[in-house]
């Protein structure tokens, strides 16, 4: 899985609020369902909620990884070390462990996204949850029109769900 770039000391996202964090805060789709019982039985919502949760954990781990990487660069001049010298530093192993966790979560997210088209939505809340995941797949900077269209659809569906 190559969807994540390695952060160097200058690009670690330590204080930024990520898109995924915003989506997690907005992921209240089950509460918007006209019938809460049908939302609880909707497998599509469960898949979306797990995707949102895993993506938020990836963001959290990205921040931790960036901090470790910055420390390794600042303290050990990490990228000037040979691979065997890097292997001898315990903090480097921690960086590898975090990277492995990020990669595993990334694979899980990929599997969840592949499952969504095969899992029909049983409620408006599930459609909102699916669109929330879709919005999370678009890079807001690279695809602003597509991202804006999907987030607009989410807002419209939420408003329509409240109105009925």
N, C-alpha and C. Protein backbone atom coordinates (compact mmCIF):
# COMPACT_ATOMS: atom_id res chain seq x y z
N UNK A 1 0.85 -1.18 0.00
CA UNK A 1 0.00 0.00 0.00
C UNK A 1 0.89 1.23 0.00
N UNK A 2 0.75 2.04 -0.99
CA UNK A 2 1.62 3.19 -1.16
C UNK A 2 0.87 4.51 -1.08
N UNK A 3 -0.30 4.54 -0.46
CA UNK A 3 -1.09 5.77 -0.45
C UNK A 3 -0.60 6.78 0.56
N UNK A 4 0.27 6.39 1.44
CA UNK A 4 0.79 7.29 2.45
C UNK A 4 2.20 7.72 2.07
N UNK A 5 2.48 9.00 2.24
CA UNK A 5 3.85 9.45 2.01
C UNK A 5 4.54 9.55 3.36
N UNK A 6 5.83 9.32 3.35
CA UNK A 6 6.58 9.46 4.58
C UNK A 6 6.77 10.94 4.88
N UNK A 7 6.51 11.30 6.11
CA UNK A 7 6.68 12.69 6.51
C UNK A 7 8.12 12.92 6.91
N UNK A 8 8.69 13.99 6.41
CA UNK A 8 9.99 14.36 6.94
C UNK A 8 9.76 15.41 8.01
N UNK A 9 10.81 15.89 8.63
CA UNK A 9 10.65 16.78 9.78
C UNK A 9 9.92 18.05 9.42
N UNK A 10 9.99 18.48 8.16
CA UNK A 10 9.37 19.76 7.79
C UNK A 10 7.89 19.62 7.43
N UNK A 11 7.44 18.39 7.16
CA UNK A 11 6.06 18.27 6.72
C UNK A 11 5.18 17.47 7.67
N UNK A 12 5.67 17.19 8.86
CA UNK A 12 4.86 16.44 9.81
C UNK A 12 3.65 17.27 10.20
N UNK A 13 2.46 16.65 10.16
CA UNK A 13 1.23 17.36 10.45
C UNK A 13 0.95 17.26 11.94
N UNK A 14 1.64 18.06 12.73
CA UNK A 14 1.50 17.96 14.17
C UNK A 14 0.31 18.74 14.69
N UNK A 15 0.05 19.91 14.13
CA UNK A 15 -1.01 20.75 14.68
C UNK A 15 -2.21 20.90 13.74
N UNK A 16 -2.16 20.32 12.54
CA UNK A 16 -3.26 20.47 11.61
C UNK A 16 -4.42 19.56 12.00
N UNK A 17 -5.62 20.03 11.75
CA UNK A 17 -6.80 19.18 11.89
C UNK A 17 -7.03 18.57 10.52
N UNK A 18 -7.13 17.24 10.47
CA UNK A 18 -7.24 16.57 9.19
C UNK A 18 -8.68 16.47 8.72
N UNK A 19 -8.83 16.16 7.43
CA UNK A 19 -10.16 15.92 6.87
C UNK A 19 -10.82 14.76 7.59
N UNK A 20 -10.05 13.72 7.88
CA UNK A 20 -10.64 12.54 8.52
C UNK A 20 -11.18 12.89 9.90
N UNK A 21 -10.48 13.76 10.62
CA UNK A 21 -10.98 14.16 11.94
C UNK A 21 -12.31 14.89 11.80
N UNK A 22 -12.42 15.72 10.77
CA UNK A 22 -13.68 16.43 10.53
C UNK A 22 -14.78 15.42 10.22
N UNK A 23 -14.46 14.41 9.39
CA UNK A 23 -15.46 13.41 9.05
C UNK A 23 -15.89 12.61 10.27
N UNK A 24 -14.95 12.29 11.14
CA UNK A 24 -15.31 11.55 12.34
C UNK A 24 -16.28 12.38 13.18
N UNK A 25 -16.01 13.66 13.31
CA UNK A 25 -16.91 14.52 14.06
C UNK A 25 -18.28 14.63 13.41
N UNK A 26 -18.31 14.52 12.09
CA UNK A 26 -19.58 14.65 11.37
C UNK A 26 -20.30 13.32 11.17
N UNK A 27 -19.69 12.23 11.59
CA UNK A 27 -20.25 10.91 11.32
C UNK A 27 -21.30 10.52 12.34
N UNK A 28 -22.40 11.20 12.30
CA UNK A 28 -23.51 10.90 13.20
C UNK A 28 -24.68 10.34 12.39
N UNK A 29 -24.38 9.66 11.33
CA UNK A 29 -25.41 9.19 10.42
C UNK A 29 -26.50 8.35 11.10
N UNK A 30 -26.19 7.42 12.00
CA UNK A 30 -27.26 6.64 12.60
C UNK A 30 -28.28 7.50 13.35
N UNK A 31 -27.85 8.57 13.92
CA UNK A 31 -28.78 9.43 14.66
C UNK A 31 -29.73 10.17 13.73
N UNK A 32 -29.37 10.25 12.44
CA UNK A 32 -30.21 10.97 11.48
C UNK A 32 -31.25 10.08 10.81
N UNK A 33 -31.19 8.77 11.07
CA UNK A 33 -32.12 7.85 10.42
C UNK A 33 -33.53 8.10 10.92
N UNK A 34 -34.51 8.07 10.02
CA UNK A 34 -35.89 8.25 10.46
C UNK A 34 -36.30 7.17 11.46
N UNK A 35 -35.76 5.96 11.30
CA UNK A 35 -36.09 4.86 12.19
C UNK A 35 -34.78 4.32 12.75
N UNK A 36 -34.50 4.57 14.02
CA UNK A 36 -33.23 4.18 14.63
C UNK A 36 -33.01 2.68 14.59
N UNK A 37 -34.07 1.89 14.70
CA UNK A 37 -33.92 0.43 14.67
C UNK A 37 -33.41 -0.04 13.32
N UNK A 38 -33.91 0.55 12.22
CA UNK A 38 -33.42 0.14 10.90
C UNK A 38 -31.97 0.56 10.71
N UNK A 39 -31.57 1.67 11.27
CA UNK A 39 -30.18 2.11 11.16
C UNK A 39 -29.26 1.15 11.89
N UNK A 40 -29.68 0.63 13.04
CA UNK A 40 -28.84 -0.30 13.79
C UNK A 40 -28.65 -1.60 13.02
N UNK A 41 -29.63 -1.98 12.23
CA UNK A 41 -29.54 -3.23 11.49
C UNK A 41 -28.83 -3.04 10.15
N UNK A 42 -28.48 -1.85 9.79
CA UNK A 42 -27.89 -1.55 8.49
C UNK A 42 -26.39 -1.83 8.52
N UNK A 43 -26.00 -2.90 7.85
CA UNK A 43 -24.59 -3.31 7.82
C UNK A 43 -23.72 -2.27 7.13
N UNK A 44 -24.28 -1.55 6.18
CA UNK A 44 -23.54 -0.52 5.46
C UNK A 44 -23.03 0.56 6.42
N UNK A 45 -23.87 0.94 7.38
CA UNK A 45 -23.45 1.94 8.36
C UNK A 45 -22.29 1.42 9.20
N UNK A 46 -22.35 0.16 9.60
CA UNK A 46 -21.27 -0.42 10.40
C UNK A 46 -19.95 -0.39 9.64
N UNK A 47 -20.00 -0.71 8.35
CA UNK A 47 -18.78 -0.67 7.53
C UNK A 47 -18.24 0.76 7.46
N UNK A 48 -19.13 1.71 7.22
CA UNK A 48 -18.71 3.11 7.13
C UNK A 48 -18.12 3.60 8.44
N UNK A 49 -18.78 3.27 9.55
CA UNK A 49 -18.27 3.71 10.85
C UNK A 49 -16.88 3.14 11.12
N UNK A 50 -16.66 1.87 10.75
CA UNK A 50 -15.34 1.27 10.95
C UNK A 50 -14.31 1.95 10.06
N UNK A 51 -14.69 2.29 8.82
CA UNK A 51 -13.76 2.97 7.93
C UNK A 51 -13.38 4.33 8.50
N UNK A 52 -14.37 5.07 8.99
CA UNK A 52 -14.12 6.40 9.55
C UNK A 52 -13.21 6.28 10.77
N UNK A 53 -13.49 5.30 11.62
CA UNK A 53 -12.68 5.07 12.82
C UNK A 53 -11.24 4.69 12.45
N UNK A 54 -11.07 3.79 11.51
CA UNK A 54 -9.72 3.37 11.10
C UNK A 54 -8.98 4.52 10.44
N UNK A 55 -9.67 5.31 9.64
CA UNK A 55 -9.02 6.46 9.00
C UNK A 55 -8.57 7.50 10.04
N UNK A 56 -9.39 7.71 11.07
CA UNK A 56 -9.00 8.63 12.14
C UNK A 56 -7.77 8.10 12.87
N UNK A 57 -7.71 6.80 13.06
CA UNK A 57 -6.53 6.20 13.72
C UNK A 57 -5.29 6.35 12.83
N UNK A 58 -5.46 6.22 11.53
CA UNK A 58 -4.33 6.45 10.61
C UNK A 58 -3.83 7.88 10.76
N UNK A 59 -4.74 8.84 10.81
CA UNK A 59 -4.33 10.24 10.99
C UNK A 59 -3.59 10.44 12.31
N UNK A 60 -4.11 9.84 13.38
CA UNK A 60 -3.46 9.97 14.68
C UNK A 60 -2.05 9.37 14.62
N UNK A 61 -1.94 8.19 14.04
CA UNK A 61 -0.63 7.54 13.94
C UNK A 61 0.31 8.29 13.00
N UNK A 62 -0.23 8.94 11.97
CA UNK A 62 0.61 9.77 11.09
C UNK A 62 1.28 10.89 11.89
N UNK A 63 0.53 11.48 12.81
CA UNK A 63 1.09 12.56 13.63
C UNK A 63 2.19 12.00 14.53
N UNK A 64 1.91 10.87 15.17
CA UNK A 64 2.92 10.24 16.05
C UNK A 64 4.15 9.86 15.24
N UNK A 65 3.93 9.29 14.06
CA UNK A 65 5.03 8.89 13.19
C UNK A 65 5.86 10.12 12.78
N UNK A 66 5.19 11.20 12.44
CA UNK A 66 5.89 12.43 12.07
C UNK A 66 6.74 12.97 13.21
N UNK A 67 6.23 12.87 14.44
CA UNK A 67 7.00 13.33 15.60
C UNK A 67 8.23 12.46 15.82
N UNK A 68 8.05 11.14 15.71
CA UNK A 68 9.21 10.24 15.85
C UNK A 68 10.23 10.52 14.77
N UNK A 69 9.75 10.67 13.55
CA UNK A 69 10.66 10.91 12.44
C UNK A 69 11.42 12.23 12.63
N UNK A 70 10.72 13.27 13.07
CA UNK A 70 11.37 14.55 13.33
C UNK A 70 12.44 14.41 14.40
N UNK A 71 12.09 13.69 15.48
CA UNK A 71 13.06 13.48 16.55
C UNK A 71 14.28 12.72 16.03
N UNK A 72 14.05 11.68 15.23
CA UNK A 72 15.16 10.89 14.69
C UNK A 72 16.06 11.74 13.79
N UNK A 73 15.46 12.61 13.02
CA UNK A 73 16.25 13.49 12.15
C UNK A 73 17.03 14.49 13.00
N UNK A 74 16.35 15.11 13.99
CA UNK A 74 16.99 16.13 14.81
C UNK A 74 18.09 15.56 15.70
N UNK A 75 17.82 14.43 16.33
CA UNK A 75 18.75 13.88 17.33
C UNK A 75 19.82 12.98 16.71
N UNK A 76 19.40 12.14 15.74
CA UNK A 76 20.32 11.13 15.22
C UNK A 76 20.75 11.37 13.78
N UNK A 77 20.25 12.47 13.17
CA UNK A 77 20.54 12.72 11.75
C UNK A 77 20.18 11.47 10.94
N UNK A 78 18.96 11.05 11.15
CA UNK A 78 18.43 9.75 10.70
C UNK A 78 18.76 9.40 9.25
N UNK A 79 18.57 10.32 8.34
CA UNK A 79 18.74 10.01 6.92
C UNK A 79 20.21 10.01 6.49
N UNK A 80 21.08 10.38 7.38
CA UNK A 80 22.51 10.28 7.08
C UNK A 80 23.09 8.96 7.57
N UNK A 81 22.30 8.18 8.32
CA UNK A 81 22.74 6.90 8.85
C UNK A 81 22.54 5.79 7.82
N UNK A 82 23.40 4.78 7.91
CA UNK A 82 23.23 3.60 7.06
C UNK A 82 22.06 2.78 7.60
N UNK A 83 21.51 1.89 6.81
CA UNK A 83 20.42 1.04 7.31
C UNK A 83 20.80 0.25 8.56
N UNK A 84 22.02 -0.23 8.65
CA UNK A 84 22.42 -0.98 9.85
C UNK A 84 22.53 -0.05 11.06
N UNK A 85 22.96 1.19 10.86
CA UNK A 85 23.01 2.15 11.96
C UNK A 85 21.59 2.51 12.41
N UNK A 86 20.69 2.65 11.45
CA UNK A 86 19.30 2.93 11.79
C UNK A 86 18.70 1.78 12.59
N UNK A 87 19.02 0.55 12.20
CA UNK A 87 18.48 -0.63 12.89
C UNK A 87 18.93 -0.70 14.34
N UNK A 88 20.06 -0.09 14.67
CA UNK A 88 20.60 -0.14 16.03
C UNK A 88 19.92 0.85 16.98
N UNK A 89 19.12 1.75 16.46
CA UNK A 89 18.47 2.77 17.29
C UNK A 89 17.06 2.31 17.64
N UNK A 90 16.77 2.12 18.95
CA UNK A 90 15.44 1.61 19.36
C UNK A 90 14.28 2.48 18.89
N UNK A 91 14.47 3.79 18.87
CA UNK A 91 13.41 4.68 18.43
C UNK A 91 13.06 4.45 16.96
N UNK A 92 14.03 4.00 16.20
CA UNK A 92 13.79 3.67 14.80
C UNK A 92 12.87 2.48 14.66
N UNK A 93 13.04 1.51 15.55
CA UNK A 93 12.15 0.34 15.53
C UNK A 93 10.72 0.77 15.85
N UNK A 94 10.57 1.72 16.77
CA UNK A 94 9.24 2.23 17.10
C UNK A 94 8.61 2.89 15.87
N UNK A 95 9.41 3.61 15.12
CA UNK A 95 8.93 4.23 13.89
C UNK A 95 8.43 3.15 12.92
N UNK A 96 9.19 2.06 12.80
CA UNK A 96 8.78 0.96 11.94
C UNK A 96 7.47 0.32 12.41
N UNK A 97 7.31 0.17 13.73
CA UNK A 97 6.08 -0.42 14.28
C UNK A 97 4.87 0.45 13.95
N UNK A 98 5.04 1.75 14.11
CA UNK A 98 3.94 2.67 13.80
C UNK A 98 3.62 2.62 12.31
N UNK A 99 4.63 2.59 11.49
CA UNK A 99 4.42 2.52 10.04
C UNK A 99 3.68 1.23 9.66
N UNK A 100 4.01 0.13 10.33
CA UNK A 100 3.32 -1.14 10.07
C UNK A 100 1.86 -1.06 10.48
N UNK A 101 1.58 -0.38 11.61
CA UNK A 101 0.19 -0.21 12.03
C UNK A 101 -0.58 0.62 11.00
N UNK A 102 0.04 1.69 10.53
CA UNK A 102 -0.60 2.55 9.53
C UNK A 102 -0.89 1.73 8.27
N UNK A 103 0.08 0.93 7.85
CA UNK A 103 -0.11 0.13 6.65
C UNK A 103 -1.25 -0.89 6.83
N UNK A 104 -1.29 -1.55 7.99
CA UNK A 104 -2.35 -2.53 8.25
C UNK A 104 -3.73 -1.86 8.25
N UNK A 105 -3.82 -0.70 8.88
CA UNK A 105 -5.09 0.03 8.88
C UNK A 105 -5.46 0.48 7.46
N UNK A 106 -4.47 0.85 6.70
CA UNK A 106 -4.72 1.24 5.31
C UNK A 106 -5.29 0.08 4.50
N UNK A 107 -4.73 -1.11 4.68
CA UNK A 107 -5.26 -2.29 4.00
C UNK A 107 -6.69 -2.58 4.45
N UNK A 108 -6.95 -2.42 5.75
CA UNK A 108 -8.31 -2.63 6.25
C UNK A 108 -9.28 -1.63 5.61
N UNK A 109 -8.87 -0.37 5.54
CA UNK A 109 -9.72 0.65 4.92
C UNK A 109 -9.99 0.32 3.45
N UNK A 110 -8.98 -0.15 2.75
CA UNK A 110 -9.16 -0.54 1.35
C UNK A 110 -10.19 -1.65 1.23
N UNK A 111 -10.11 -2.65 2.11
CA UNK A 111 -11.06 -3.77 2.09
C UNK A 111 -12.48 -3.29 2.40
N UNK A 112 -12.59 -2.38 3.36
CA UNK A 112 -13.90 -1.85 3.71
C UNK A 112 -14.51 -1.08 2.55
N UNK A 113 -13.71 -0.29 1.87
CA UNK A 113 -14.21 0.48 0.72
C UNK A 113 -14.65 -0.47 -0.39
N UNK A 114 -13.89 -1.55 -0.59
CA UNK A 114 -14.28 -2.53 -1.62
C UNK A 114 -15.59 -3.23 -1.24
N UNK A 115 -15.87 -3.36 0.04
CA UNK A 115 -17.10 -4.04 0.49
C UNK A 115 -18.34 -3.14 0.35
N UNK A 116 -18.16 -1.84 0.40
CA UNK A 116 -19.32 -0.94 0.39
C UNK A 116 -20.20 -1.06 -0.85
N UNK A 117 -19.66 -1.11 -2.07
CA UNK A 117 -20.55 -1.23 -3.23
C UNK A 117 -21.38 -2.52 -3.23
N UNK A 118 -20.92 -3.53 -2.51
CA UNK A 118 -21.63 -4.81 -2.45
C UNK A 118 -22.63 -4.85 -1.31
N UNK A 119 -22.67 -3.80 -0.49
CA UNK A 119 -23.52 -3.77 0.70
C UNK A 119 -24.56 -2.67 0.52
N UNK A 120 -25.78 -3.04 0.16
CA UNK A 120 -26.80 -2.02 -0.08
C UNK A 120 -27.18 -1.26 1.19
N UNK A 121 -27.46 -0.01 1.02
CA UNK A 121 -27.91 0.83 2.13
C UNK A 121 -29.38 0.54 2.40
N UNK A 122 -29.72 0.45 3.68
CA UNK A 122 -31.11 0.18 4.07
C UNK A 122 -31.79 1.40 4.66
N UNK A 123 -31.11 2.54 4.63
CA UNK A 123 -31.69 3.75 5.21
C UNK A 123 -31.01 4.98 4.61
N UNK A 124 -31.63 6.12 4.81
CA UNK A 124 -31.01 7.38 4.38
C UNK A 124 -29.71 7.61 5.14
N UNK A 125 -29.69 7.19 6.40
CA UNK A 125 -28.47 7.34 7.20
C UNK A 125 -27.32 6.56 6.59
N UNK A 126 -27.62 5.39 6.03
CA UNK A 126 -26.57 4.59 5.40
C UNK A 126 -26.05 5.27 4.14
N UNK A 127 -26.93 5.91 3.39
CA UNK A 127 -26.51 6.65 2.20
C UNK A 127 -25.60 7.80 2.62
N UNK A 128 -25.97 8.49 3.68
CA UNK A 128 -25.14 9.58 4.20
C UNK A 128 -23.78 9.04 4.64
N UNK A 129 -23.78 7.91 5.34
CA UNK A 129 -22.52 7.31 5.79
C UNK A 129 -21.65 6.92 4.60
N UNK A 130 -22.26 6.33 3.56
CA UNK A 130 -21.51 5.96 2.37
C UNK A 130 -20.91 7.19 1.69
N UNK A 131 -21.68 8.24 1.59
CA UNK A 131 -21.17 9.47 0.98
C UNK A 131 -20.06 10.10 1.83
N UNK A 132 -20.16 9.96 3.14
CA UNK A 132 -19.11 10.47 4.02
C UNK A 132 -17.79 9.75 3.75
N UNK A 133 -17.87 8.44 3.56
CA UNK A 133 -16.67 7.68 3.19
C UNK A 133 -16.18 8.13 1.82
N UNK A 134 -17.09 8.28 0.87
CA UNK A 134 -16.68 8.73 -0.47
C UNK A 134 -15.98 10.09 -0.42
N UNK A 135 -16.51 10.99 0.38
CA UNK A 135 -15.87 12.31 0.52
C UNK A 135 -14.47 12.17 1.09
N UNK A 136 -14.29 11.22 2.01
CA UNK A 136 -12.98 10.99 2.59
C UNK A 136 -11.97 10.42 1.62
N UNK A 137 -12.46 9.83 0.54
CA UNK A 137 -11.56 9.27 -0.47
C UNK A 137 -11.04 10.32 -1.44
N UNK A 138 -11.74 11.45 -1.53
CA UNK A 138 -11.29 12.53 -2.40
C UNK A 138 -10.33 13.44 -1.65
N UNK A 139 -9.26 13.82 -2.33
CA UNK A 139 -8.37 14.82 -1.76
C UNK A 139 -8.99 16.19 -2.05
N UNK A 140 -9.28 16.91 -0.99
CA UNK A 140 -9.97 18.19 -1.12
C UNK A 140 -9.16 19.18 -1.96
N UNK A 141 -7.84 19.09 -1.90
CA UNK A 141 -7.00 20.02 -2.67
C UNK A 141 -6.85 19.59 -4.12
N UNK A 142 -6.74 18.27 -4.36
CA UNK A 142 -6.55 17.77 -5.72
C UNK A 142 -7.85 17.67 -6.50
N UNK A 143 -8.96 17.40 -5.80
CA UNK A 143 -10.24 17.21 -6.47
C UNK A 143 -11.32 18.04 -5.77
N UNK A 144 -11.16 19.36 -5.75
CA UNK A 144 -12.10 20.18 -5.00
C UNK A 144 -13.53 20.11 -5.51
N UNK A 145 -13.72 19.96 -6.82
CA UNK A 145 -15.08 19.90 -7.36
C UNK A 145 -15.79 18.62 -6.92
N UNK A 146 -15.11 17.49 -7.05
CA UNK A 146 -15.71 16.21 -6.65
C UNK A 146 -15.95 16.18 -5.14
N UNK A 147 -14.98 16.64 -4.39
CA UNK A 147 -15.14 16.67 -2.93
C UNK A 147 -16.29 17.58 -2.54
N UNK A 148 -16.37 18.74 -3.15
CA UNK A 148 -17.44 19.69 -2.85
C UNK A 148 -18.81 19.14 -3.21
N UNK A 149 -18.88 18.43 -4.33
CA UNK A 149 -20.16 17.85 -4.75
C UNK A 149 -20.64 16.80 -3.74
N UNK A 150 -19.74 15.94 -3.31
CA UNK A 150 -20.12 14.88 -2.37
C UNK A 150 -20.48 15.48 -1.01
N UNK A 151 -19.69 16.43 -0.52
CA UNK A 151 -20.02 17.03 0.78
C UNK A 151 -21.32 17.82 0.71
N UNK A 152 -21.61 18.43 -0.44
CA UNK A 152 -22.89 19.11 -0.61
C UNK A 152 -24.04 18.11 -0.55
N UNK A 153 -23.87 16.96 -1.20
CA UNK A 153 -24.90 15.91 -1.17
C UNK A 153 -25.12 15.42 0.27
N UNK A 154 -24.07 15.30 1.03
CA UNK A 154 -24.19 14.88 2.44
C UNK A 154 -25.01 15.90 3.21
N UNK A 155 -24.68 17.19 3.06
CA UNK A 155 -25.43 18.23 3.77
C UNK A 155 -26.90 18.24 3.35
N UNK A 156 -27.15 18.08 2.04
CA UNK A 156 -28.52 18.08 1.56
C UNK A 156 -29.31 16.89 2.11
N UNK A 157 -28.71 15.72 2.10
CA UNK A 157 -29.40 14.53 2.61
C UNK A 157 -29.65 14.64 4.12
N UNK A 158 -28.71 15.19 4.85
CA UNK A 158 -28.93 15.40 6.28
C UNK A 158 -30.11 16.34 6.52
N UNK A 159 -30.14 17.43 5.75
CA UNK A 159 -31.23 18.39 5.90
C UNK A 159 -32.57 17.77 5.52
N UNK A 160 -32.59 17.00 4.44
CA UNK A 160 -33.82 16.34 4.04
C UNK A 160 -34.26 15.29 5.06
N UNK A 161 -33.29 14.59 5.66
CA UNK A 161 -33.61 13.58 6.68
C UNK A 161 -34.23 14.23 7.92
N UNK A 162 -33.74 15.39 8.28
CA UNK A 162 -34.30 16.10 9.44
C UNK A 162 -35.69 16.65 9.15
N UNK A 163 -35.93 17.00 7.89
CA UNK A 163 -37.20 17.61 7.50
C UNK A 163 -38.33 16.59 7.45
N UNK A 164 -37.99 15.31 7.30
CA UNK A 164 -39.06 14.30 7.18
C UNK A 164 -39.36 13.62 8.49
